[in-house]
Amino acid sequence: MAAAFAFSPTFDGDNGNPKKRLKLLEADEALVAALEAGERVRFVGNSSTPDVVLCTARETFKVTKVESSNTTILCAGGAGGGAPVVARGLADFHWEARKTAPRLDLAALLPAYGGDGAEDAAPTRADLESTAQASAAELDGALASGAVLVDG
């Protein structure tokens, strides 16, 4: 896998801000293509698992922190012609995104009818997307295969 990254146009100003510090994400070609195309992505975590996933419109990726005993120095310039190399950041870990199966427990996400006349409010599509660790397409497939979405 070729190592490639791009700096944000606002990188130099942002990197001094702890909330905007550079984060490295190792991603496969499909995820890179989705990000470069400006596709909406979302991180999803929930109380049933300590894992966090990154979801595109069609795929789900488990996100794992990978520690390193080596510090990576991120440089710009030096591509040729004697241009100076400028160190622009350091990293001692990166995030790895690996394709994974969706984590859908629709029985836990959808309310159950208890027979006592009281009904829990049905979750909206936004509710499901905020807790289901699955892409929109994977969630659609699971709902189509046995659950009904009302007022979604």
Protein backbone atom coordinates (compact mmCIF):
# COMPACT_ATOMS: atom_id res chain seq x y z
CA MET A 1 0.00 0.00 0.00
CA ALA A 2 1.42 3.35 -0.95
CA ALA A 3 1.59 5.92 1.79
CA ALA A 4 -0.08 9.11 0.69
CA PHE A 5 -1.65 11.98 2.52
CA ALA A 6 -2.68 15.54 1.85
CA PHE A 7 -2.60 18.54 4.13
CA SER A 8 -5.70 20.64 4.59
CA PRO A 9 -5.34 24.20 3.24
CA THR A 10 -5.81 25.37 6.85
CA PHE A 11 -3.40 22.81 8.34
CA ASP A 12 -0.76 25.24 9.58
CA GLY A 13 -3.30 27.32 11.47
CA ASP A 14 -5.32 24.34 12.73
CA ASN A 15 -2.50 22.15 14.01
CA GLY A 16 -1.81 24.37 17.02
CA ASN A 17 -5.40 23.89 18.16
CA PRO A 18 -5.74 20.65 20.22
CA LYS A 19 -9.30 20.13 18.92
CA LYS A 20 -8.10 20.26 15.32
CA ARG A 21 -4.84 18.34 15.59
CA LEU A 22 -3.88 16.14 12.69
CA LYS A 23 -5.20 12.57 12.85
CA LEU A 24 -3.85 9.89 10.51
CA LEU A 25 -6.31 7.36 9.13
CA GLU A 26 -5.12 4.28 7.28
CA ALA A 27 -7.80 3.43 4.74
CA ASP A 28 -8.35 1.09 1.80
CA GLU A 29 -8.94 2.37 -1.73
CA ALA A 30 -12.75 2.21 -1.45
CA LEU A 31 -12.79 4.40 1.66
CA VAL A 32 -10.28 6.84 0.17
CA ALA A 33 -12.42 7.11 -2.99
CA ALA A 34 -15.53 7.80 -0.89
CA LEU A 35 -13.73 10.52 1.08
CA GLU A 36 -12.24 12.12 -2.04
CA ALA A 37 -15.68 12.14 -3.68
CA GLY A 38 -17.03 14.10 -0.70
CA GLU A 39 -19.34 11.27 0.33
CA ARG A 40 -20.99 11.69 3.72
CA VAL A 41 -19.32 9.52 6.34
CA ARG A 42 -20.19 9.09 9.99
CA PHE A 43 -18.58 7.59 13.06
CA VAL A 44 -20.92 5.43 15.13
CA GLY A 45 -20.42 4.05 18.61
CA ASN A 46 -23.02 2.64 20.95
CA SER A 47 -23.28 1.25 24.46
CA SER A 48 -23.40 -2.41 23.38
CA THR A 49 -19.78 -2.46 22.15
CA PRO A 50 -16.61 -0.48 22.88
CA ASP A 51 -15.82 -0.42 19.16
CA VAL A 52 -16.34 2.56 16.90
CA VAL A 53 -17.11 2.15 13.23
CA LEU A 54 -16.86 4.52 10.28
CA CYS A 55 -19.78 4.22 7.87
CA THR A 56 -19.97 5.36 4.28
CA ALA A 57 -23.17 5.10 2.24
CA ARG A 58 -22.39 1.48 1.33
CA GLU A 59 -19.76 0.05 3.68
CA THR A 60 -18.81 -0.24 7.35
CA PHE A 61 -15.25 -0.02 8.70
CA LYS A 62 -14.05 -0.89 12.20
CA VAL A 63 -11.76 1.87 13.51
CA THR A 64 -8.83 0.82 15.68
CA LYS A 65 -6.07 2.89 17.26
CA VAL A 66 -2.64 1.55 16.24
CA GLU A 67 0.18 2.58 18.58
CA SER A 68 3.75 2.83 17.35
CA SER A 69 7.06 2.97 19.16
CA ASN A 70 8.32 5.12 16.30
CA THR A 71 7.35 8.72 15.74
CA THR A 72 6.24 9.54 12.23
CA ILE A 73 7.39 12.91 10.99
CA LEU A 74 5.03 14.40 8.43
CA CYS A 75 6.82 16.51 5.87
CA ALA A 76 5.89 18.67 2.93
CA GLY A 77 8.07 19.71 0.03
CA GLY A 78 11.18 18.00 -1.25
CA ALA A 79 9.32 16.42 -4.15
CA GLY A 80 12.10 17.35 -6.50
CA GLY A 81 14.06 20.25 -7.86
CA GLY A 82 15.85 20.84 -4.55
CA ALA A 83 12.75 22.13 -2.74
CA PRO A 84 13.24 22.21 1.03
CA VAL A 85 11.58 19.58 3.17
CA VAL A 86 9.46 21.09 5.95
CA ALA A 87 8.37 19.05 8.97
CA ARG A 88 4.71 19.92 9.53
CA GLY A 89 3.60 17.45 12.17
CA LEU A 90 4.36 14.40 14.29
CA ALA A 91 2.36 11.26 15.02
CA ASP A 92 3.04 8.38 17.39
CA PHE A 93 -0.15 6.50 16.49
CA HIS A 94 -2.68 6.32 13.69
CA TRP A 95 -6.24 5.11 13.21
CA GLU A 96 -6.81 2.05 11.05
CA ALA A 97 -10.13 1.55 9.23
CA ARG A 98 -10.78 -2.05 8.16
CA LYS A 99 -13.89 -3.23 6.34
CA THR A 100 -16.14 -5.16 8.69
CA ALA A 101 -19.58 -6.71 8.76
CA PRO A 102 -22.34 -4.38 9.93
CA ARG A 103 -23.29 -4.65 13.57
CA LEU A 104 -27.04 -4.64 13.51
CA ASP A 105 -29.18 -5.86 16.36
CA LEU A 106 -32.56 -4.69 15.14
CA ALA A 107 -34.31 -6.49 17.99
CA ALA A 108 -32.49 -4.21 20.42
CA LEU A 109 -32.97 -1.08 18.29
CA LEU A 110 -36.68 -1.45 17.56
CA PRO A 111 -39.29 -1.28 20.34
CA ALA A 112 -41.14 -4.42 21.33
CA TYR A 113 -44.86 -4.52 21.94
CA GLY A 114 -45.49 -5.83 25.44
CA GLY A 115 -49.21 -6.53 25.04
CA ASP A 116 -50.17 -4.13 27.83
CA GLY A 117 -51.39 -1.45 25.45
CA ALA A 118 -48.38 0.78 26.09
CA GLU A 119 -46.11 1.26 23.12
CA ASP A 120 -42.66 2.75 22.97
CA ALA A 121 -42.18 5.39 20.32
CA ALA A 122 -40.85 3.89 17.12
CA PRO A 123 -37.35 5.11 16.27
CA THR A 124 -36.89 7.36 13.28
CA ARG A 125 -34.41 6.66 10.52
CA ALA A 126 -32.05 9.19 12.14
CA ASP A 127 -32.33 7.31 15.46
CA LEU A 128 -31.39 4.04 13.76
CA GLU A 129 -28.47 5.59 11.88
CA SER A 130 -27.09 7.13 15.07
CA THR A 131 -26.95 3.77 16.90
CA ALA A 132 -26.73 1.04 14.23
CA GLN A 133 -23.14 0.30 13.33
CA ALA A 134 -23.91 -0.11 9.64
CA SER A 135 -23.88 1.85 6.41
CA ALA A 136 -27.13 3.25 5.06
CA ALA A 137 -27.26 0.50 2.40
CA GLU A 138 -26.61 -2.24 4.98
CA LEU A 139 -29.30 -0.79 7.27
CA ASP A 140 -31.75 -0.66 4.34
CA GLY A 141 -31.03 -4.32 3.58
CA ALA A 142 -31.61 -5.39 7.18
CA LEU A 143 -34.85 -3.42 7.43
CA ALA A 144 -36.10 -4.83 4.13
CA SER A 145 -35.41 -8.38 5.24
CA GLY A 146 -37.76 -8.40 8.17
CA ALA A 147 -38.44 -5.12 9.92
CA VAL A 148 -40.87 -2.38 9.09
CA LEU A 149 -39.92 1.30 9.24
CA VAL A 150 -42.87 3.60 9.84
CA ASP A 151 -42.65 7.37 9.35
CA GLY A 152 -38.97 7.05 8.45
